[in-house]
C-alpha atoms as a PDB file:
ATOM      1  CA  PHE A   1     171.645  68.179  40.886  1.00  0.00           C
ATOM      2  CA  PHE A   2     170.182  71.483  39.357  1.00  0.00           C
ATOM      3  CA  LEU A   3     169.895  69.824  35.841  1.00  0.00           C
ATOM      4  CA  LYS A   4     167.936  66.888  37.551  1.00  0.00           C
ATOM      5  CA  ILE A   5     165.455  69.391  39.410  1.00  0.00           C
ATOM      6  CA  LEU A   6     165.169  71.282  36.104  1.00  0.00           C
ATOM      7  CA  LEU A   7     164.287  68.047  34.180  1.00  0.00           C
ATOM      8  CA  PHE A   8     161.996  66.932  36.836  1.00  0.00           C
ATOM      9  CA  PHE A   9     160.063  70.090  36.757  1.00  0.00           C
ATOM     10  CA  THR A  10     159.891  70.050  33.139  1.00  0.00           C
ATOM     11  CA  LEU A  11     158.558  66.664  32.891  1.00  0.00           C
ATOM     12  CA  TYR A  12     155.988  67.198  35.783  1.00  0.00           C
ATOM     13  CA  ASN A  13     154.711  70.225  33.696  1.00  0.00           C
ATOM     14  CA  ILE A  14     154.285  68.184  30.547  1.00  0.00           C
ATOM     15  CA  ILE A  15     152.586  65.298  32.389  1.00  0.00           C
ATOM     16  CA  VAL A  16     150.118  67.951  34.092  1.00  0.00           C
ATOM     17  CA  SER A  17     149.525  69.515  30.735  1.00  0.00           C
ATOM     18  CA  ILE A  18     148.369  66.192  29.318  1.00  0.00           C
ATOM     19  CA  PHE A  19     145.582  66.004  31.770  1.00  0.00           C
ATOM     20  CA  SER A  20     144.370  69.595  31.359  1.00  0.00           C
ATOM     21  CA  GLU A  21     141.195  70.479  29.628  1.00  0.00           C
ATOM     22  CA  ASN A  22     142.725  72.366  26.734  1.00  0.00           C
ATOM     23  CA  ILE A  23     145.736  70.186  25.916  1.00  0.00           C
ATOM     24  CA  PHE A  24     147.149  71.933  23.049  1.00  0.00           C
ATOM     25  CA  VAL A  25     147.383  75.433  24.651  1.00  0.00           C
ATOM     26  CA  SER A  26     148.819  73.854  27.851  1.00  0.00           C
ATOM     27  CA  LEU A  27     151.424  71.499  26.130  1.00  0.00           C
ATOM     28  CA  LYS A  28     152.662  74.305  24.056  1.00  0.00           C
ATOM     29  CA  SER A  29     153.775  76.451  27.234  1.00  0.00           C
ATOM     30  CA  SER A  30     154.950  73.503  29.092  1.00  0.00           C
ATOM     31  CA  VAL A  31     157.083  71.783  26.404  1.00  0.00           C
ATOM     32  CA  SER A  32     158.909  75.020  25.759  1.00  0.00           C
ATOM     33  CA  TYR A  33     160.575  74.707  29.015  1.00  0.00           C
ATOM     34  CA  ILE A  34     162.743  71.857  27.443  1.00  0.00           C
ATOM     35  CA  ARG A  35     164.697  74.616  25.767  1.00  0.00           C
ATOM     36  CA  PHE A  36     166.226  75.767  29.238  1.00  0.00           C
ATOM     37  CA  PHE A  37     167.385  72.126  29.926  1.00  0.00           C
ATOM     38  CA  ILE A  38     168.992  71.812  26.547  1.00  0.00           C
ATOM     39  CA  PHE A  39     170.697  75.164  26.750  1.00  0.00           C
ATOM     40  CA  ILE A  40     172.265  74.410  30.109  1.00  0.00           C
ATOM     41  CA  CYS A  41     173.447  70.963  28.877  1.00  0.00           C
ATOM     42  CA  LEU A  42     174.971  72.457  25.784  1.00  0.00           C
ATOM     43  CA  PHE A  43     176.531  75.326  27.744  1.00  0.00           C
ATOM     44  CA  VAL A  44     178.289  73.113  30.261  1.00  0.00           C
ATOM     45  CA  TYR A  45     179.206  70.662  27.460  1.00  0.00           C
ATOM     46  CA  VAL A  46     180.914  73.629  25.460  1.00  0.00           C
ATOM     47  CA  PHE A  47     182.553  75.028  28.504  1.00  0.00           C
ATOM     48  CA  LYS A  48     184.088  71.900  29.558  1.00  0.00           C
ATOM     49  CA  ASN A  49     185.234  70.477  26.417  1.00  0.00           C
ATOM     50  CA  TYR A  50     186.230  73.772  24.520  1.00  0.00           C
ATOM     51  CA  LYS A  51     188.771  75.838  26.675  1.00  0.00           C
ATOM     52  CA  GLU A  52     189.067  78.636  24.063  1.00  0.00           C
ATOM     53  CA  ILE A  53     185.452  79.506  23.971  1.00  0.00           C
ATOM     54  CA  LYS A  54     185.815  81.163  27.484  1.00  0.00           C
ATOM     55  CA  LYS A  55     188.334  83.467  26.139  1.00  0.00           C
ATOM     56  CA  ILE A  56     186.378  84.151  22.980  1.00  0.00           C
ATOM     57  CA  LEU A  57     183.362  84.754  24.975  1.00  0.00           C
ATOM     58  CA  PHE A  58     185.167  87.121  27.284  1.00  0.00           C
ATOM     59  CA  TYR A  59     186.516  89.282  24.508  1.00  0.00           C
ATOM     60  CA  LEU A  60     183.468  89.376  22.769  1.00  0.00           C
ATOM     61  CA  LEU A  61     181.503  90.505  25.626  1.00  0.00           C
ATOM     62  CA  LEU A  62     184.113  93.027  26.620  1.00  0.00           C
ATOM     63  CA  GLY A  63     184.378  94.381  23.246  1.00  0.00           C
ATOM     64  CA  THR A  64     180.546  94.823  22.810  1.00  0.00           C
ATOM     65  CA  THR A  65     180.278  96.148  26.305  1.00  0.00           C
ATOM     66  CA  ILE A  66     182.788  98.750  25.654  1.00  0.00           C
ATOM     67  CA  LEU A  67     181.438  99.822  22.297  1.00  0.00           C
ATOM     68  CA  ILE A  68     177.708 100.073  23.671  1.00  0.00           C
ATOM     69  CA  SER A  69     178.862 102.009  26.809  1.00  0.00           C
ATOM     70  CA  ILE A  70     181.087 104.539  24.749  1.00  0.00           C
ATOM     71  CA  ASP A  71     178.200 105.130  22.287  1.00  0.00           C
ATOM     72  CA  ALA A  72     175.836 105.674  25.166  1.00  0.00           C
ATOM     73  CA  ILE A  73     177.937 108.287  26.700  1.00  0.00           C
ATOM     74  CA  PHE A  74     178.582 109.961  23.318  1.00  0.00           C
ATOM     75  CA  GLN A  75     174.798 109.985  22.850  1.00  0.00           C
ATOM     76  CA  PHE A  76     174.296 111.526  26.019  1.00  0.00           C
ATOM     77  CA  PHE A  77     176.574 114.426  25.463  1.00  0.00           C
ATOM     78  CA  PHE A  78     176.020 115.108  21.633  1.00  0.00           C
ATOM     79  CA  LYS A  79     172.163 113.843  21.539  1.00  0.00           C
ATOM     80  CA  PHE A  80     172.947 111.393  18.703  1.00  0.00           C
ATOM     81  CA  ASN A  81     174.898 108.225  18.830  1.00  0.00           C
ATOM     82  CA  LEU A  82     177.897 106.874  16.679  1.00  0.00           C
ATOM     83  CA  LEU A  83     175.582 105.882  14.077  1.00  0.00           C
ATOM     84  CA  GLY A  84     173.854 109.421  13.797  1.00  0.00           C
ATOM     85  CA  TRP A  85     170.609 108.265  15.273  1.00  0.00           C
ATOM     86  CA  PRO A  86     169.212 111.212  17.334  1.00  0.00           C
ATOM     87  CA  ILE A  87     167.969 110.830  20.942  1.00  0.00           C
ATOM     88  CA  ASP A  88     164.324 110.475  21.375  1.00  0.00           C
ATOM     89  CA  SER A  89     161.975 113.429  22.331  1.00  0.00           C
ATOM     90  CA  LYS A  90     161.736 112.264  26.031  1.00  0.00           C
ATOM     91  CA  GLY A  91     165.637 112.429  26.413  1.00  0.00           C
ATOM     92  CA  ARG A  92     166.072 108.622  27.222  1.00  0.00           C
ATOM     93  CA  ILE A  93     169.415 107.100  26.055  1.00  0.00           C
ATOM     94  CA  SER A  94     169.104 103.929  24.011  1.00  0.00           C
ATOM     95  CA  GLY A  95     172.564 103.770  22.287  1.00  0.00           C
ATOM     96  CA  LEU A  96     172.911 101.260  19.725  1.00  0.00           C
ATOM     97  CA  PHE A  97     169.496  99.588  20.423  1.00  0.00           C
ATOM     98  CA  GLY A  98     167.468 102.059  18.728  1.00  0.00           C
ATOM     99  CA  THR A  99     163.983 102.397  19.819  1.00  0.00           C
ATOM    100  CA  GLU A 100     164.273  99.634  22.601  1.00  0.00           C
ATOM    101  CA  TYR A 101     165.432 100.945  25.952  1.00  0.00           C
ATOM    102  CA  ILE A 102     167.224  97.962  27.253  1.00  0.00           C
ATOM    103  CA  LEU A 103     170.851  99.639  27.281  1.00  0.00           C
ATOM    104  CA  GLY A 104     171.154  99.588  31.324  1.00  0.00           C
ATOM    105  CA  SER A 105     169.668  96.071  31.392  1.00  0.00           C
ATOM    106  CA  TYR A 106     172.022  94.655  28.936  1.00  0.00           C
ATOM    107  CA  LEU A 107     175.098  96.369  30.575  1.00  0.00           C
ATOM    108  CA  SER A 108     173.907  95.444  34.102  1.00  0.00           C
ATOM    109  CA  ARG A 109     173.918  91.712  33.002  1.00  0.00           C
ATOM    110  CA  CYS A 110     176.956  91.607  30.963  1.00  0.00           C
ATOM    111  CA  VAL A 111     179.452  93.332  33.248  1.00  0.00           C
ATOM    112  CA  PRO A 112     179.282  90.868  36.006  1.00  0.00           C
ATOM    113  CA  ILE A 113     179.807  87.991  33.503  1.00  0.00           C
ATOM    114  CA  ILE A 114     182.779  89.873  32.097  1.00  0.00           C
ATOM    115  CA  MET A 115     184.306  90.306  35.670  1.00  0.00           C
ATOM    116  CA  SER A 116     183.682  86.692  36.564  1.00  0.00           C
ATOM    117  CA  LEU A 117     185.276  85.486  33.391  1.00  0.00           C
ATOM    118  CA  PHE A 118     188.130  87.740  33.678  1.00  0.00           C
ATOM    119  CA  PHE A 119     189.004  86.533  37.301  1.00  0.00           C
ATOM    120  CA  TYR A 120     188.159  82.904  36.323  1.00  0.00           C
ATOM    121  CA  LEU A 121     190.584  83.117  33.375  1.00  0.00           C
ATOM    122  CA  ARG A 122     193.111  85.191  35.367  1.00  0.00           C
ATOM    123  CA  GLU A 123     193.468  82.336  37.851  1.00  0.00           C
ATOM    124  CA  LYS A 124     193.903  79.804  34.893  1.00  0.00           C
ATOM    125  CA  LYS A 125     196.695  82.163  33.614  1.00  0.00           C
ATOM    126  CA  ILE A 126     194.859  82.500  30.314  1.00  0.00           C
ATOM    127  CA  ILE A 127     194.271  86.049  30.164  1.00  0.00           C
ATOM    128  CA  ASN A 128     197.158  88.515  30.913  1.00  0.00           C
ATOM    129  CA  LEU A 129     195.108  91.823  31.109  1.00  0.00           C
ATOM    130  CA  GLU A 130     195.627  94.545  33.727  1.00  0.00           C
ATOM    131  CA  TYR A 131     193.310  95.216  36.290  1.00  0.00           C
ATOM    132  CA  LYS A 132     193.017  98.764  35.454  1.00  0.00           C
ATOM    133  CA  PHE A 133     191.632  98.187  32.082  1.00  0.00           C
ATOM    134  CA  LEU A 134     188.815  95.893  33.490  1.00  0.00           C
ATOM    135  CA  TYR A 135     187.898  98.551  36.165  1.00  0.00           C
ATOM    136  CA  ILE A 136     187.881 101.353  33.780  1.00  0.00           C
ATOM    137  CA  THR A 137     185.472  99.428  31.503  1.00  0.00           C
ATOM    138  CA  PHE A 138     183.510  98.894  34.637  1.00  0.00           C
ATOM    139  CA  PHE A 139     183.213 102.460  35.450  1.00  0.00           C
ATOM    140  CA  VAL A 140     182.410 103.504  31.900  1.00  0.00           C
ATOM    141  CA  SER A 141     179.671 100.799  31.850  1.00  0.00           C
ATOM    142  CA  TYR A 142     178.586 101.987  35.489  1.00  0.00           C
ATOM    143  CA  PHE A 143     178.125 105.439  34.020  1.00  0.00           C
ATOM    144  CA  ALA A 144     176.223 104.261  30.879  1.00  0.00           C
ATOM    145  CA  ILE A 145     174.034 102.636  33.097  1.00  0.00           C
ATOM    146  CA  LEU A 146     173.499 105.564  35.188  1.00  0.00           C
ATOM    147  CA  ILE A 147     172.479 107.748  32.223  1.00  0.00           C
ATOM    148  CA  SER A 148     170.332 105.073  30.688  1.00  0.00           C
ATOM    149  CA  GLY A 149     167.564 105.956  33.243  1.00  0.00           C
ATOM    150  CA  GLU A 150     166.849 102.199  34.201  1.00  0.00           C
ATOM    151  CA  ARG A 151     166.338 101.925  37.886  1.00  0.00           C
ATOM    152  CA  THR A 152     166.304  98.138  38.046  1.00  0.00           C
ATOM    153  CA  ALA A 153     169.622  97.951  36.136  1.00  0.00           C
ATOM    154  CA  PHE A 154     171.031 100.485  38.295  1.00  0.00           C
ATOM    155  CA  ILE A 155     170.200  98.670  41.484  1.00  0.00           C
ATOM    156  CA  MET A 156     171.291  95.445  40.068  1.00  0.00           C
ATOM    157  CA  ILE A 157     174.836  96.993  39.124  1.00  0.00           C
ATOM    158  CA  ASN A 158     174.946  98.363  42.568  1.00  0.00           C
ATOM    159  CA  MET A 159     174.135  95.084  44.260  1.00  0.00           C
ATOM    160  CA  PHE A 160     176.796  93.414  42.356  1.00  0.00           C
ATOM    161  CA  LEU A 161     179.307  96.132  43.215  1.00  0.00           C
ATOM    162  CA  PHE A 162     178.507  95.902  46.819  1.00  0.00           C
ATOM    163  CA  LEU A 163     178.883  91.962  46.773  1.00  0.00           C
ATOM    164  CA  TYR A 164     181.932  92.176  44.671  1.00  0.00           C
ATOM    165  CA  ILE A 165     183.680  94.643  47.174  1.00  0.00           C
ATOM    166  CA  PHE A 166     182.357  92.519  50.100  1.00  0.00           C
ATOM    167  CA  PHE A 167     183.715  89.160  48.839  1.00  0.00           C
ATOM    168  CA  ILE A 168     186.992  90.470  47.488  1.00  0.00           C
ATOM    169  CA  LEU A 169     188.079  92.225  50.604  1.00  0.00           C
ATOM    170  CA  ASN A 170     187.803  88.872  52.701  1.00  0.00           C
ATOM    171  CA  ILE A 171     185.755  90.419  55.583  1.00  0.00           C
ATOM    172  CA  SER A 172     185.343  87.801  58.248  1.00  0.00           C
ATOM    173  CA  LEU A 173     182.185  85.628  58.386  1.00  0.00           C
ATOM    174  CA  LYS A 174     180.700  87.383  61.348  1.00  0.00           C
ATOM    175  CA  LYS A 175     180.697  90.582  59.699  1.00  0.00           C
ATOM    176  CA  LYS A 176     179.340  89.140  56.288  1.00  0.00           C
ATOM    177  CA  VAL A 177     176.437  87.492  58.325  1.00  0.00           C
ATOM    178  CA  PHE A 178     175.663  90.835  60.054  1.00  0.00           C
ATOM    179  CA  SER A 179     175.794  92.685  56.830  1.00  0.00           C
ATOM    180  CA  PHE A 180     173.451  90.397  54.988  1.00  0.00           C
ATOM    181  CA  THR A 181     170.977  90.547  57.902  1.00  0.00           C
ATOM    182  CA  VAL A 182     171.160  94.508  57.934  1.00  0.00           C
ATOM    183  CA  ILE A 183     170.430  94.320  54.127  1.00  0.00           C
END
């Protein structure tokens, strides 16, 4: 259903672009939306047909998240990262990203994916890791997001943590509805 809506939206934009005054500029921006449709189709195909990709993706994201988080914490305490790059004059932590300050944003998007893959693969008995290691990874990443100074990333990870706790604890439907209306 979602793919049909996305395809309809993309085709609608292309058709409207054909009737615009500056066709080339309009088509240039609207045709580029096809990449989202293709990406989603390929992603679904690969995940359905190649079971090992999920495990590889999990370990790859877990390894990079741990490495980036440890590097950020190291940079916070020692004022240079594991590669020897010094902290900038403003004191912002960028970790292995150099001059781009996307550390918190990267981690706040990867941690929910890692935890989701863990629980998905855990149900399927593919991964046999301890929960403690996953939670240690989460809190190390949480601290790295906190010291990165990115407010949006910090709010996103807190929203994820709230929803994670909320749905894991099996709170009744009335309490869930009440909590969402209060928020």
